[in-house]
Amino acid sequence: MERDKKKVSVLVVDDEDGIRDMVRFLLEPMGYAVSSAVDGADAVQKVEKEKFDIILLDVHMPRMRGPETLEKIREIYPSQIVIIFSSSSDPYYVFEAGAKQKGAFDCIYKPFELHDLLSVINSAQKNLEQAT
């Protein structure tokens, strides 16, 4: 009998309902356990209560933006895998360009292709598996 693998838990942090719903629609049928947060403050509250394998984090949100959220998540779980996604209004992508140095696993840009999102998640998952 094949042993059940633990579902990889993903927290999607975005103030856009459509992005949260699309990621859930894409990942849940693939066996991921998907939770969502509407902004950075909501995400930090959830991370304080539960450990997620992968966090998908938008940059531009109300209440607490992505950079501040990433910093808070790093304080709680220093090795947390966080993938940044952004439709930056900053033409120079200052935060996004330095996101890896600030502790993000990777950064992808909206509008993103679903295969690009899956590719980054698969890389993050391989990284997660190697760490355990």
Protein backbone atom coordinates (compact mmCIF):
# COMPACT_ATOMS: atom_id res chain seq x y z
CA MET A 1 0.00 0.00 0.00
CA GLU A 2 1.29 3.43 -0.92
CA ARG A 3 1.88 5.82 1.94
CA ASP A 4 -0.15 9.06 1.91
CA LYS A 5 1.99 12.12 1.41
CA LYS A 6 1.26 15.17 3.53
CA LYS A 7 -0.48 17.87 1.56
CA VAL A 8 1.70 20.88 0.93
CA SER A 9 0.08 23.88 2.60
CA VAL A 10 0.01 27.17 0.72
CA LEU A 11 -1.08 30.56 2.03
CA VAL A 12 -2.13 32.99 -0.72
CA VAL A 13 -1.89 36.61 0.43
CA ASP A 14 -3.52 39.07 -1.95
CA ASP A 15 -6.13 41.79 -1.65
CA GLU A 16 -7.67 40.73 -4.99
CA ASP A 17 -10.38 38.08 -4.63
CA GLY A 18 -9.77 36.92 -8.20
CA ILE A 19 -6.10 36.12 -7.57
CA ARG A 20 -6.85 34.22 -4.35
CA ASP A 21 -9.66 32.28 -6.05
CA MET A 22 -7.62 31.52 -9.17
CA VAL A 23 -4.68 30.14 -7.17
CA ARG A 24 -7.03 28.04 -5.03
CA PHE A 25 -8.80 26.75 -8.15
CA LEU A 26 -5.46 25.84 -9.70
CA LEU A 27 -3.75 24.25 -6.69
CA GLU A 28 -6.45 22.41 -4.74
CA PRO A 29 -7.17 19.85 -7.50
CA MET A 30 -3.42 19.17 -7.58
CA GLY A 31 -3.51 18.17 -3.91
CA TYR A 32 -2.36 21.37 -2.22
CA ALA A 33 -4.05 22.61 0.96
CA VAL A 34 -4.76 26.27 0.16
CA SER A 35 -5.59 29.01 2.67
CA SER A 36 -5.88 32.70 1.96
CA ALA A 37 -5.37 36.08 3.57
CA VAL A 38 -6.76 39.39 2.34
CA ASP A 39 -3.72 41.51 3.26
CA GLY A 40 -0.44 41.43 5.12
CA ALA A 41 -1.92 41.97 8.57
CA ASP A 42 -4.31 39.05 8.02
CA ALA A 43 -1.39 36.93 6.80
CA VAL A 44 0.75 37.64 9.86
CA GLN A 45 -2.15 36.66 12.15
CA LYS A 46 -2.53 33.37 10.26
CA VAL A 47 1.22 32.66 10.27
CA GLU A 48 1.32 33.24 14.04
CA LYS A 49 -1.28 30.48 14.44
CA GLU A 50 -0.25 28.01 11.72
CA LYS A 51 2.91 27.02 9.83
CA PHE A 52 2.54 26.99 6.03
CA ASP A 53 4.91 25.25 3.65
CA ILE A 54 4.76 27.98 1.00
CA ILE A 55 3.44 31.55 1.13
CA LEU A 56 2.48 33.44 -2.03
CA LEU A 57 2.68 37.12 -1.13
CA ASP A 58 1.46 40.13 -3.10
CA VAL A 59 3.46 43.35 -2.79
CA HIS A 60 0.79 46.04 -3.02
CA MET A 61 -1.98 45.61 -0.43
CA PRO A 62 -3.83 47.77 2.10
CA ARG A 63 -3.04 47.77 5.85
CA MET A 64 0.31 45.97 5.55
CA ARG A 65 2.19 45.83 2.27
CA GLY A 66 4.30 42.92 1.05
CA PRO A 67 7.72 44.18 2.21
CA GLU A 68 6.52 44.69 5.78
CA THR A 69 4.67 41.38 5.71
CA LEU A 70 7.76 39.53 4.50
CA GLU A 71 9.78 41.08 7.33
CA LYS A 72 7.20 40.02 9.95
CA ILE A 73 6.99 36.50 8.53
CA ARG A 74 10.80 36.25 8.65
CA GLU A 75 10.67 37.20 12.36
CA ILE A 76 8.21 34.36 13.03
CA TYR A 77 9.71 31.70 10.72
CA PRO A 78 13.17 32.70 9.43
CA SER A 79 13.29 29.86 6.88
CA GLN A 80 9.73 30.26 5.57
CA ILE A 81 9.44 29.86 1.78
CA VAL A 82 7.83 33.05 0.45
CA ILE A 83 7.17 33.68 -3.23
CA ILE A 84 6.49 37.32 -4.07
CA PHE A 85 4.08 38.25 -6.82
CA SER A 86 3.65 41.78 -7.97
CA SER A 87 2.06 44.05 -10.52
CA SER A 88 4.32 46.78 -9.26
CA SER A 89 3.46 50.38 -9.91
CA ASP A 90 7.17 51.10 -9.34
CA PRO A 91 8.70 51.15 -12.84
CA TYR A 92 12.06 50.14 -11.36
CA TYR A 93 10.70 47.25 -9.26
CA VAL A 94 12.97 48.28 -6.38
CA PHE A 95 11.53 45.88 -3.79
CA GLU A 96 11.00 43.06 -6.27
CA ALA A 97 14.57 43.32 -7.59
CA GLY A 98 15.92 42.85 -4.06
CA ALA A 99 13.26 40.44 -2.82
CA LYS A 100 15.59 37.43 -2.74
CA GLN A 101 18.14 39.37 -0.69
CA LYS A 102 15.31 40.20 1.72
CA GLY A 103 14.46 36.51 2.12
CA ALA A 104 11.97 35.74 -0.65
CA PHE A 105 12.37 32.45 -2.52
CA ASP A 106 11.45 34.03 -5.84
CA CYS A 107 9.40 36.80 -7.45
CA ILE A 108 6.93 36.57 -10.33
CA TYR A 109 5.00 39.37 -11.99
CA LYS A 110 1.29 39.79 -12.65
CA PRO A 111 -0.24 39.03 -14.96
CA PHE A 112 1.55 35.71 -14.74
CA GLU A 113 1.08 32.60 -16.80
CA LEU A 114 -0.22 29.65 -14.79
CA HIS A 115 2.67 27.44 -15.91
CA ASP A 116 5.11 30.09 -14.57
CA LEU A 117 3.37 30.07 -11.19
CA LEU A 118 3.40 26.26 -11.11
CA SER A 119 7.07 26.19 -12.06
CA VAL A 120 8.01 28.47 -9.16
CA ILE A 121 5.80 26.51 -6.73
CA ASN A 122 7.35 23.23 -7.92
CA SER A 123 10.84 24.65 -7.35
CA ALA A 124 9.82 25.83 -3.88
CA GLN A 125 8.36 22.42 -3.11
CA LYS A 126 11.60 20.68 -4.18
CA ASN A 127 13.49 23.08 -1.93
CA LEU A 128 11.09 22.22 0.90
CA GLU A 129 11.57 18.49 0.36
CA GLN A 130 15.35 18.82 0.36
CA ALA A 131 15.22 20.73 3.64
CA THR A 132 13.33 17.92 5.39
